Amino acid sequence: MPAYEYLCEKCGEHFERRQKMSDPEVESCPDCGGGVKRLISGGAGAITKGASAAAAAPSMCGMGGPCCGGGNACGMGSECLN
C-alpha cells in the first residue's frame, strides 16, 4: 500500500497516510480540519520483505542480487561490470 504525503494549507502540518490507490484523497487536516493538498514525493523505492541487507543491495551491474562472479546470477555474462 503506497504512502501519500499531505500538507495542510491552514496550519502547515505535514503528514503521511498509507492508502490504497483506489482510496479517496484526504481532504482535511487531522490537527486543525483545514484543507490539504497531496504532495508529490520521490517514493521509497523497492521494499523487500524478509530479505537481508546484503541480498537486497544492488549488484555492481545494477541488476540486483549477486553479480556474475559466482555463476552469472544477474544474467549479464561477459558484459557484467563486476
Protein backbone atom coordinates (compact mmCIF):
# COMPACT_ATOMS: atom_id res chain seq x y z
CA MET A 1 0.00 0.00 0.00
CA PRO A 2 1.56 3.34 -1.01
CA ALA A 3 2.11 6.19 1.42
CA TYR A 4 0.94 9.64 0.38
CA GLU A 5 2.20 12.91 1.83
CA TYR A 6 -0.13 15.81 2.55
CA LEU A 7 0.35 19.43 3.58
CA CYS A 8 -2.29 21.46 5.43
CA GLU A 9 -2.91 24.79 3.73
CA LYS A 10 -4.15 26.31 7.00
CA CYS A 11 -1.69 25.28 9.74
CA GLY A 12 1.21 23.91 7.66
CA GLU A 13 1.04 20.43 9.21
CA HIS A 14 2.90 17.86 7.07
CA PHE A 15 1.61 14.29 7.44
CA GLU A 16 1.60 10.94 5.68
CA ARG A 17 -1.17 8.39 5.10
CA ARG A 18 -0.89 4.81 3.85
CA GLN A 19 -3.77 4.30 1.45
CA LYS A 20 -4.87 2.07 -1.37
CA MET A 21 -4.60 3.71 -4.76
CA SER A 22 -8.38 3.45 -5.04
CA ASP A 23 -9.00 5.26 -1.71
CA PRO A 24 -10.17 8.88 -1.93
CA GLU A 25 -7.61 11.59 -1.16
CA VAL A 26 -7.54 13.02 2.37
CA GLU A 27 -9.47 16.31 2.33
CA SER A 28 -8.88 17.74 5.79
CA CYS A 29 -6.03 18.13 8.28
CA PRO A 30 -6.20 15.79 11.29
CA ASP A 31 -4.97 18.63 13.55
CA CYS A 32 -6.99 21.70 12.55
CA GLY A 33 -9.52 20.45 9.98
CA GLY A 34 -8.16 22.80 7.29
CA GLY A 35 -7.92 21.88 3.63
CA VAL A 36 -4.93 19.82 2.49
CA LYS A 37 -3.12 19.19 -0.74
CA ARG A 38 -1.33 15.98 -1.66
CA LEU A 39 2.39 16.42 -2.28
CA ILE A 40 4.47 14.78 -4.97
CA SER A 41 7.10 12.65 -3.29
CA GLY A 42 10.15 10.81 -4.54
CA GLY A 43 8.87 7.48 -3.33
CA ALA A 44 10.55 4.89 -1.17
CA GLY A 45 11.91 2.59 -3.86
CA ALA A 46 11.55 -1.15 -3.71
CA ILE A 47 10.76 -2.68 -0.36
CA THR A 48 11.85 -6.27 0.09
CA LYS A 49 10.19 -8.22 2.83
CA GLY A 50 12.37 -10.58 4.84
CA ALA A 51 15.49 -10.10 2.72
CA SER A 52 18.83 -9.44 4.34
CA ALA A 53 20.56 -6.15 3.56
CA ALA A 54 23.21 -7.94 1.51
CA ALA A 55 20.66 -9.76 -0.64
CA ALA A 56 18.61 -6.58 -1.12
CA ALA A 57 21.62 -4.49 -2.16
CA PRO A 58 22.06 -3.90 -5.88
CA SER A 59 24.88 -5.70 -7.65
CA MET A 60 27.77 -3.99 -9.38
CA CYS A 61 25.97 -4.19 -12.73
CA GLY A 62 22.76 -2.72 -11.26
CA MET A 63 20.66 -5.82 -11.91
CA GLY A 64 20.19 -6.69 -8.23
CA GLY A 65 21.36 -9.70 -6.28
CA PRO A 66 24.78 -11.33 -6.56
CA CYS A 67 26.74 -10.37 -9.64
CA CYS A 68 28.36 -12.54 -12.29
CA GLY A 69 31.38 -13.69 -10.31
CA GLY A 70 29.53 -16.64 -8.78
CA GLY A 71 27.64 -18.09 -11.72
CA ASN A 72 26.20 -15.23 -13.77
CA ALA A 73 23.28 -14.70 -11.37
CA CYS A 74 22.41 -11.33 -12.92
CA GLY A 75 22.37 -12.72 -16.46
CA MET A 76 24.89 -10.20 -17.80
CA GLY A 77 27.51 -12.87 -18.61
CA SER A 78 30.69 -11.40 -20.08
CA GLU A 79 29.05 -7.94 -20.20
CA CYS A 80 28.96 -7.72 -16.40
CA LEU A 81 30.64 -4.65 -14.92
CA ASN A 82 31.93 -6.55 -11.90
